[in-house]
N, C-alpha and C. Protein backbone atom coordinates (compact mmCIF):
# COMPACT_ATOMS: atom_id res chain seq x y z
N UNK A 1 10.33 13.42 39.24
CA UNK A 1 10.75 12.69 38.94
C UNK A 1 12.11 12.22 39.67
N UNK A 2 12.28 10.99 39.99
CA UNK A 2 13.48 10.61 41.26
C UNK A 2 14.79 11.10 40.06
N UNK A 3 16.03 10.76 40.57
CA UNK A 3 17.23 10.80 39.26
C UNK A 3 17.35 9.58 38.33
N UNK A 4 16.41 8.58 38.81
CA UNK A 4 16.34 7.63 37.88
C UNK A 4 15.25 6.59 38.10
N UNK A 5 14.12 6.88 36.79
CA UNK A 5 13.06 6.43 37.06
C UNK A 5 12.74 5.41 35.91
N UNK A 6 12.22 4.19 36.22
CA UNK A 6 11.97 3.31 34.88
C UNK A 6 10.34 3.91 34.56
N UNK A 7 10.36 3.84 33.42
CA UNK A 7 8.84 4.53 33.12
C UNK A 7 8.28 3.60 32.31
N UNK A 8 8.35 2.22 32.34
CA UNK A 8 7.66 1.08 32.13
C UNK A 8 8.66 -0.05 31.15
N UNK A 9 8.22 -1.08 31.77
CA UNK A 9 8.70 -2.25 31.21
C UNK A 9 7.79 -3.48 30.85
N UNK A 10 6.99 -3.58 29.48
CA UNK A 10 6.29 -4.92 28.65
C UNK A 10 7.30 -5.47 27.95
N UNK A 11 6.53 -6.54 27.50
CA UNK A 11 7.11 -7.68 26.78
C UNK A 11 7.14 -7.24 25.34
N UNK A 12 8.27 -6.81 24.43
CA UNK A 12 8.06 -6.31 23.01
C UNK A 12 8.02 -4.55 23.28
N UNK A 13 8.23 -3.91 23.88
CA UNK A 13 8.26 -2.79 24.28
C UNK A 13 9.42 -2.75 24.86
N UNK A 14 9.84 -1.37 24.36
CA UNK A 14 11.37 -0.68 25.12
C UNK A 14 11.08 -0.66 26.21
N UNK A 15 12.55 -0.43 27.30
CA UNK A 15 12.50 0.05 28.61
C UNK A 15 12.71 1.25 28.64
N UNK A 16 12.09 2.24 28.69
CA UNK A 16 12.45 3.94 28.77
C UNK A 16 12.86 4.15 30.06
N UNK A 17 13.53 4.86 30.33
CA UNK A 17 13.99 5.32 31.78
C UNK A 17 14.54 6.56 31.94
N UNK A 18 13.82 7.57 32.77
CA UNK A 18 14.38 8.59 32.93
C UNK A 18 15.66 8.98 33.88
N UNK A 19 16.84 9.30 32.93
CA UNK A 19 17.85 9.52 34.07
C UNK A 19 18.29 11.21 34.24
N UNK A 20 17.03 12.06 34.83
CA UNK A 20 17.59 13.20 35.40
C UNK A 20 18.29 13.83 34.01
N UNK A 21 18.70 15.03 34.17
CA UNK A 21 18.96 16.08 33.51
C UNK A 21 18.46 15.65 31.81
N UNK A 22 17.12 15.87 31.87
CA UNK A 22 16.26 15.68 31.01
C UNK A 22 16.62 14.72 29.82
N UNK A 23 16.96 13.76 30.44
CA UNK A 23 17.59 12.57 29.49
C UNK A 23 16.55 11.38 29.37
N UNK A 24 16.26 11.08 28.18
CA UNK A 24 15.27 9.75 28.09
C UNK A 24 16.08 8.92 27.47
N UNK A 25 16.59 7.48 28.33
CA UNK A 25 17.07 6.49 27.67
C UNK A 25 16.26 5.29 26.64
N UNK A 26 16.80 4.86 26.23
CA UNK A 26 15.75 3.27 25.43
C UNK A 26 16.50 2.42 25.49
N UNK A 27 16.22 1.15 25.91
CA UNK A 27 17.06 0.00 25.42
C UNK A 27 15.75 -1.07 25.19
N UNK A 28 15.82 -1.64 23.89
CA UNK A 28 15.15 -2.56 23.56
C UNK A 28 15.19 -3.95 24.54
N UNK A 29 14.19 -4.62 24.67
CA UNK A 29 14.35 -6.01 25.43
C UNK A 29 15.05 -6.85 23.96
N UNK A 30 15.80 -7.93 24.54
CA UNK A 30 16.34 -9.13 23.73
C UNK A 30 15.60 -9.70 22.88
N UNK A 31 14.30 -10.18 23.23
CA UNK A 31 13.47 -10.59 22.51
C UNK A 31 12.73 -10.05 21.87
N UNK A 32 12.81 -8.47 21.66
CA UNK A 32 11.89 -7.92 20.28
C UNK A 32 13.00 -8.06 19.09
N UNK A 33 11.70 -8.24 18.13
CA UNK A 33 12.30 -8.40 16.74
C UNK A 33 12.68 -7.38 16.18
N UNK A 34 13.75 -7.13 15.45
CA UNK A 34 14.22 -5.86 14.96
C UNK A 34 13.92 -5.73 13.48
N UNK A 35 12.58 -6.25 13.05
CA UNK A 35 12.13 -6.14 11.76
C UNK A 35 11.28 -5.19 11.54
N UNK A 36 11.31 -4.68 9.94
CA UNK A 36 10.04 -3.61 9.88
C UNK A 36 9.18 -4.51 9.07
N UNK A 37 8.33 -5.59 9.40
CA UNK A 37 7.31 -6.38 8.69
C UNK A 37 6.17 -5.61 8.68
N UNK A 38 5.84 -5.38 7.01
CA UNK A 38 4.61 -4.65 7.09
C UNK A 38 3.42 -5.10 7.53
N UNK A 39 3.33 -6.69 7.53
CA UNK A 39 2.38 -7.28 8.00
C UNK A 39 1.81 -7.03 9.29
N UNK A 40 3.25 -6.48 10.06
CA UNK A 40 2.81 -6.13 11.41
C UNK A 40 1.68 -4.92 11.62
N UNK A 41 2.09 -4.05 10.69
CA UNK A 41 1.41 -2.84 10.79
C UNK A 41 -0.11 -2.95 9.88
N UNK A 42 -0.39 -3.79 9.18
CA UNK A 42 -1.30 -3.34 8.45
C UNK A 42 -2.42 -4.32 9.45
N UNK A 43 -4.13 -3.64 9.08
CA UNK A 43 -4.98 -3.63 9.58
C UNK A 43 -5.79 -5.46 9.58
N UNK A 44 -6.57 -5.66 10.45
CA UNK A 44 -7.06 -7.11 10.30
C UNK A 44 -7.92 -7.00 8.96
N UNK A 45 -7.75 -7.89 8.92
CA UNK A 45 -8.46 -8.63 6.96
C UNK A 45 -9.96 -8.21 7.64
N UNK A 46 -11.08 -7.90 6.68
CA UNK A 46 -12.09 -7.88 6.60
C UNK A 46 -12.61 -8.79 5.44
N UNK A 47 -14.15 -8.87 5.51
CA UNK A 47 -14.48 -9.58 4.56
C UNK A 47 -14.06 -8.63 2.82
N UNK A 48 -14.09 -7.57 2.72
CA UNK A 48 -13.82 -6.68 1.66
C UNK A 48 -12.55 -7.37 1.17
N UNK A 49 -11.48 -7.57 2.14
CA UNK A 49 -10.37 -7.88 1.79
C UNK A 49 -9.81 -9.22 1.45
N UNK A 50 -10.70 -10.22 1.57
CA UNK A 50 -10.79 -11.71 1.02
C UNK A 50 -11.79 -12.00 0.31
N UNK A 51 -12.53 -11.11 -0.36
CA UNK A 51 -13.40 -11.26 -1.53
C UNK A 51 -13.77 -10.24 -2.66
N UNK A 52 -13.96 -10.91 -3.59
CA UNK A 52 -14.04 -9.33 -4.90
C UNK A 52 -15.80 -8.77 -4.38
N UNK A 53 -15.49 -7.80 -4.32
CA UNK A 53 -17.18 -6.89 -4.31
C UNK A 53 -17.87 -6.79 -5.70
N UNK A 54 -19.32 -6.53 -5.76
CA UNK A 54 -19.33 -6.82 -6.74
C UNK A 54 -19.52 -5.82 -7.42
N UNK A 55 -19.33 -4.24 -7.07
CA UNK A 55 -18.48 -3.18 -7.92
C UNK A 55 -17.25 -3.87 -8.67
N UNK A 56 -16.48 -4.63 -7.88
CA UNK A 56 -15.24 -5.05 -8.56
C UNK A 56 -15.61 -6.08 -9.64
N UNK A 57 -16.47 -7.04 -9.74
CA UNK A 57 -16.79 -7.82 -10.54
C UNK A 57 -17.23 -7.56 -11.85
N UNK A 58 -18.26 -6.32 -11.65
CA UNK A 58 -18.82 -5.46 -12.67
C UNK A 58 -17.59 -5.06 -13.32
N UNK A 59 -17.06 -4.08 -12.98
CA UNK A 59 -15.32 -3.51 -13.28
C UNK A 59 -14.66 -4.42 -14.25
N UNK A 60 -14.70 -5.91 -13.79
CA UNK A 60 -13.63 -6.71 -14.35
C UNK A 60 -14.34 -7.26 -15.36
N UNK A 61 -15.59 -6.95 -15.43
CA UNK A 61 -16.13 -7.86 -16.58
C UNK A 61 -16.20 -6.64 -18.14
N UNK A 62 -16.28 -5.34 -17.50
CA UNK A 62 -16.15 -4.59 -18.67
C UNK A 62 -15.08 -4.37 -19.46
N UNK A 63 -13.84 -4.90 -18.43
CA UNK A 63 -12.72 -4.70 -19.05
C UNK A 63 -12.32 -5.47 -20.55
N UNK A 64 -11.32 -5.27 -21.23
CA UNK A 64 -11.44 -6.21 -22.38
C UNK A 64 -10.38 -7.08 -21.80
N UNK A 65 -10.80 -8.72 -22.17
CA UNK A 65 -10.40 -10.01 -21.49
C UNK A 65 -8.78 -9.95 -21.68
N UNK A 66 -8.17 -9.44 -22.40
CA UNK A 66 -6.46 -9.46 -22.57
C UNK A 66 -6.08 -8.76 -21.27
N UNK A 67 -6.62 -8.03 -20.59
CA UNK A 67 -6.21 -7.07 -19.53
C UNK A 67 -6.76 -7.43 -18.26
N UNK A 68 -8.08 -8.39 -18.37
CA UNK A 68 -8.76 -8.79 -16.97
C UNK A 68 -7.66 -9.60 -15.76
N UNK A 69 -7.62 -8.82 -14.84
CA UNK A 69 -6.36 -9.18 -13.82
C UNK A 69 -7.06 -10.52 -13.13
N UNK A 70 -6.91 -11.71 -13.73
CA UNK A 70 -8.00 -12.73 -12.97
C UNK A 70 -6.91 -13.76 -11.77
N UNK A 71 -5.70 -13.63 -12.15
CA UNK A 71 -5.13 -14.17 -10.95
C UNK A 71 -4.67 -13.24 -9.92
N UNK A 72 -4.39 -11.79 -10.47
CA UNK A 72 -4.10 -11.07 -9.16
C UNK A 72 -5.75 -11.22 -8.15
N UNK A 73 -7.05 -11.10 -8.86
CA UNK A 73 -7.96 -10.96 -8.09
C UNK A 73 -8.01 -12.97 -7.20
N UNK A 74 -7.36 -13.65 -8.02
CA UNK A 74 -7.93 -14.89 -7.01
C UNK A 74 -6.72 -14.59 -5.57
N UNK A 75 -5.55 -14.09 -5.68
CA UNK A 75 -4.18 -14.04 -4.77
C UNK A 75 -4.71 -13.03 -4.07
N UNK A 76 -5.26 -11.91 -4.49
CA UNK A 76 -5.03 -10.74 -3.70
C UNK A 76 -6.04 -9.66 -4.28
N UNK A 77 -7.67 -10.43 -3.89
CA UNK A 77 -8.51 -9.66 -3.85
C UNK A 77 -8.77 -7.94 -3.42
N UNK A 78 -8.12 -8.14 -2.21
CA UNK A 78 -7.96 -6.72 -1.68
C UNK A 78 -7.24 -5.71 -2.61
N UNK A 79 -5.94 -5.89 -3.31
CA UNK A 79 -5.89 -5.48 -4.43
C UNK A 79 -6.82 -4.74 -5.48
N UNK A 80 -7.73 -5.71 -5.62
CA UNK A 80 -8.18 -5.66 -7.17
C UNK A 80 -9.56 -4.46 -6.77
N UNK A 81 -9.82 -4.90 -5.28
CA UNK A 81 -10.99 -4.08 -5.23
C UNK A 81 -10.75 -2.86 -4.90
N UNK A 82 -9.47 -2.25 -4.36
CA UNK A 82 -8.55 -1.01 -4.59
C UNK A 82 -8.24 -0.43 -5.96
N UNK A 83 -8.16 -1.17 -6.49
CA UNK A 83 -8.13 -0.79 -8.16
C UNK A 83 -9.34 -0.18 -8.58
N UNK A 84 -10.18 -1.49 -8.71
CA UNK A 84 -11.96 -0.54 -9.00
C UNK A 84 -12.16 0.57 -8.68
N UNK A 85 -12.15 0.98 -7.06
CA UNK A 85 -12.23 1.87 -6.35
C UNK A 85 -11.74 3.07 -6.70
N UNK A 86 -10.66 3.13 -7.49
CA UNK A 86 -9.80 3.79 -7.51
C UNK A 86 -9.47 4.20 -9.28
N UNK A 87 -10.36 3.45 -10.53
CA UNK A 87 -10.01 3.13 -11.67
C UNK A 87 -10.51 4.89 -11.85
N UNK A 88 -11.23 5.27 -11.78
CA UNK A 88 -11.91 6.67 -12.38
C UNK A 88 -11.48 7.83 -11.56
N UNK A 89 -10.36 7.93 -11.10
CA UNK A 89 -9.67 8.32 -10.37
C UNK A 89 -8.10 8.71 -10.65
N UNK A 90 -7.80 9.13 -12.33
CA UNK A 90 -6.78 9.04 -12.94
C UNK A 90 -5.51 9.13 -12.22
N UNK A 91 -5.27 9.99 -11.51
CA UNK A 91 -3.95 10.31 -10.54
C UNK A 91 -3.83 9.13 -9.19
N UNK A 92 -5.19 9.22 -8.49
CA UNK A 92 -4.94 8.24 -7.36
C UNK A 92 -4.49 6.57 -7.69
N UNK A 93 -5.40 6.17 -9.05
CA UNK A 93 -5.09 4.93 -9.41
C UNK A 93 -3.86 4.81 -10.02
N UNK A 94 -2.98 5.64 -10.89
CA UNK A 94 -1.93 5.78 -11.61
C UNK A 94 -0.92 5.57 -10.25
N UNK A 95 -1.01 6.24 -9.29
CA UNK A 95 0.08 6.39 -7.56
C UNK A 95 -0.24 4.83 -7.53
N UNK A 96 -1.41 4.34 -7.22
CA UNK A 96 -1.58 2.88 -6.92
C UNK A 96 -0.83 1.86 -7.31
N UNK A 97 -1.01 1.77 -8.79
CA UNK A 97 -0.40 0.60 -10.01
C UNK A 97 0.84 1.21 -9.95
N UNK A 98 1.65 2.51 -9.75
CA UNK A 98 2.92 2.61 -9.68
C UNK A 98 3.65 1.81 -8.50
N UNK A 99 2.72 2.44 -7.44
CA UNK A 99 2.95 1.50 -5.98
C UNK A 99 3.28 -0.32 -6.05
N UNK A 100 2.48 -0.74 -7.03
CA UNK A 100 2.55 -1.99 -7.29
C UNK A 100 3.41 -2.56 -8.12
N UNK A 101 4.02 -1.75 -8.84
CA UNK A 101 4.76 -1.95 -9.94
C UNK A 101 6.33 -1.98 -9.34
N UNK A 102 6.58 -0.80 -8.32
CA UNK A 102 7.76 -0.31 -7.96
C UNK A 102 7.73 -0.45 -6.53
N UNK A 103 8.55 -0.91 -6.04
CA UNK A 103 8.77 -1.21 -4.72
C UNK A 103 9.39 0.37 -4.05
N UNK A 104 8.77 1.09 -3.32
CA UNK A 104 9.14 2.26 -2.60
C UNK A 104 9.29 2.02 -1.27
N UNK A 105 8.84 1.20 -0.94
CA UNK A 105 9.07 1.21 0.68
C UNK A 105 10.12 -0.02 0.87
N UNK A 106 10.54 -1.12 0.29
CA UNK A 106 11.52 -1.82 0.65
C UNK A 106 11.18 -2.87 1.68
N UNK A 107 11.97 -4.03 1.58
CA UNK A 107 11.62 -5.31 1.93
C UNK A 107 10.40 -6.30 1.52
N UNK A 108 9.59 -5.78 0.20
CA UNK A 108 8.07 -6.57 -0.06
C UNK A 108 8.50 -7.82 -0.67
N UNK A 109 7.95 -8.70 -0.69
CA UNK A 109 8.09 -10.23 -1.11
C UNK A 109 8.25 -10.34 -2.88
N UNK A 110 7.22 -9.21 -3.03
CA UNK A 110 6.84 -9.14 -4.76
C UNK A 110 5.84 -10.53 -5.38
N UNK A 111 5.28 -10.14 -6.41
CA UNK A 111 4.69 -11.07 -7.04
C UNK A 111 4.92 -11.90 -7.80
N UNK A 112 4.26 -13.16 -8.21
CA UNK A 112 4.58 -13.95 -9.07
C UNK A 112 4.48 -13.40 -10.26
N UNK A 113 5.33 -14.12 -11.54
CA UNK A 113 5.39 -13.70 -12.77
C UNK A 113 4.23 -13.27 -13.29
N UNK A 114 3.19 -14.36 -13.21
CA UNK A 114 2.05 -13.88 -14.06
C UNK A 114 1.02 -12.51 -13.66
N UNK A 115 1.37 -12.70 -12.06
CA UNK A 115 0.57 -11.67 -11.51
C UNK A 115 1.21 -10.05 -12.00
N UNK A 116 2.80 -10.25 -12.07
CA UNK A 116 3.50 -8.75 -12.70
C UNK A 116 2.84 -8.71 -14.15
N UNK A 117 2.69 -9.88 -14.97
CA UNK A 117 2.21 -9.50 -16.45
C UNK A 117 1.08 -8.94 -16.30
N UNK A 118 -0.03 -9.51 -15.45
CA UNK A 118 -1.44 -8.67 -15.71
C UNK A 118 -1.08 -7.66 -15.30
N UNK A 119 -0.48 -6.94 -13.86
CA UNK A 119 -0.58 -5.60 -13.71
C UNK A 119 0.22 -4.82 -14.74
N UNK A 120 1.20 -5.02 -15.46
CA UNK A 120 1.62 -4.47 -16.46
C UNK A 120 0.90 -4.28 -17.56
N UNK A 121 -0.16 -5.61 -17.95
CA UNK A 121 -1.15 -5.30 -19.22
C UNK A 121 -2.55 -4.09 -18.50
N UNK A 122 -2.70 -4.42 -17.18
CA UNK A 122 -3.93 -3.34 -17.00
C UNK A 122 -3.27 -2.02 -17.00
N UNK A 123 -2.20 -1.46 -16.54
CA UNK A 123 -1.33 -0.44 -16.51
C UNK A 123 -1.29 0.24 -17.96
N UNK A 124 -0.75 -0.71 -18.85
CA UNK A 124 -0.74 -0.07 -20.42
C UNK A 124 -2.48 0.36 -20.99
N UNK A 125 -3.55 -0.60 -20.23
CA UNK A 125 -5.03 -0.30 -20.48
C UNK A 125 -4.91 1.14 -19.81
N UNK A 126 -4.74 1.13 -18.48
CA UNK A 126 -5.24 1.92 -17.74
C UNK A 126 -4.41 3.67 -18.47
N UNK A 127 -2.81 3.12 -18.83
CA UNK A 127 -2.55 4.75 -19.80
C UNK A 127 -3.17 5.00 -20.94
N UNK A 128 -3.15 3.89 -21.82
CA UNK A 128 -4.16 4.17 -22.98
C UNK A 128 -5.88 4.98 -22.70
N UNK A 129 -6.32 4.42 -21.65
CA UNK A 129 -7.68 5.25 -21.43
C UNK A 129 -7.71 6.37 -20.64
N UNK A 130 -6.31 6.40 -19.61
CA UNK A 130 -6.32 7.83 -19.42
C UNK A 130 -4.52 8.27 -19.19
N UNK A 131 -4.21 8.55 -20.74
CA UNK A 131 -3.39 9.00 -21.07
C UNK A 131 -2.76 10.08 -19.61
N UNK A 132 -1.29 9.73 -19.43
CA UNK A 132 -0.77 10.60 -18.30
C UNK A 132 -0.79 11.94 -18.68
N UNK A 133 -0.26 12.45 -20.27
CA UNK A 133 -0.62 13.91 -20.19
C UNK A 133 -1.48 14.37 -20.44
N UNK A 134 -2.61 13.44 -20.56
CA UNK A 134 -4.18 14.46 -20.42
C UNK A 134 -4.99 14.59 -19.18
N UNK A 135 -4.28 14.30 -18.40
CA UNK A 135 -4.75 14.71 -16.86
C UNK A 135 -5.19 15.96 -16.69
N UNK A 136 -6.37 15.93 -16.41
CA UNK A 136 -7.10 17.45 -16.24
C UNK A 136 -6.46 17.90 -15.33
N UNK A 137 -6.71 17.47 -13.83
CA UNK A 137 -6.04 18.04 -12.97
C UNK A 137 -4.67 18.55 -12.94
N UNK A 138 -3.78 17.93 -13.80
CA UNK A 138 -2.63 18.23 -14.00
C UNK A 138 -2.72 19.64 -14.89
N UNK A 139 -3.22 19.41 -15.52
CA UNK A 139 -3.44 20.53 -16.81
C UNK A 139 -4.01 21.83 -15.97
N UNK A 140 -5.02 21.76 -15.08
CA UNK A 140 -5.27 22.77 -14.73
C UNK A 140 -4.41 23.30 -13.64
N UNK A 141 -3.28 22.78 -12.53
CA UNK A 141 -2.21 23.14 -11.72
C UNK A 141 -1.39 23.72 -12.93
N UNK A 142 -0.72 23.07 -13.80
CA UNK A 142 0.01 23.70 -14.53
C UNK A 142 -0.46 25.29 -15.31
N UNK A 143 -1.58 25.17 -15.57
CA UNK A 143 -2.11 26.38 -16.20
C UNK A 143 -2.12 27.53 -15.13
N UNK A 144 -2.31 27.22 -13.91
CA UNK A 144 -2.32 28.06 -12.44
C UNK A 144 -1.17 28.64 -12.15
N UNK A 145 0.26 28.05 -12.80
CA UNK A 145 1.16 28.29 -12.52
C UNK A 145 2.50 29.29 -13.63
N UNK A 146 1.46 29.28 -15.13
CA UNK A 146 1.76 29.94 -15.93
C UNK A 146 1.66 31.43 -15.39
């Protein structure tokens, strides 16, 4: 490489310049947005993201009416499809529900109050069906460490 060589210039990408002495410098283009918008990283929506799956509808019908997340299903079918798919995985579903209730990534818009109430009711029901202290895998793991 020459003493100073530009490694690429594209709109939206940084200028990478090799400047001898094993140094790589990086300069962002002025028009590059400096946000960490999660929507930018999200995969393209599929039909499963936009509509409720049959399995999800069956799962919702089996829930007690008081905890059925109807508004969440209308607004975010992808989330309900994911909850339904994870429902029988006590650890995975609990982690997913925690992620919905607590912003661990920062910069999220949040849900409407009605949807927050539905998620909280669903979480209470989930914890009643699968109590956290009765997690079989956690017990097995803990027993192995004694």
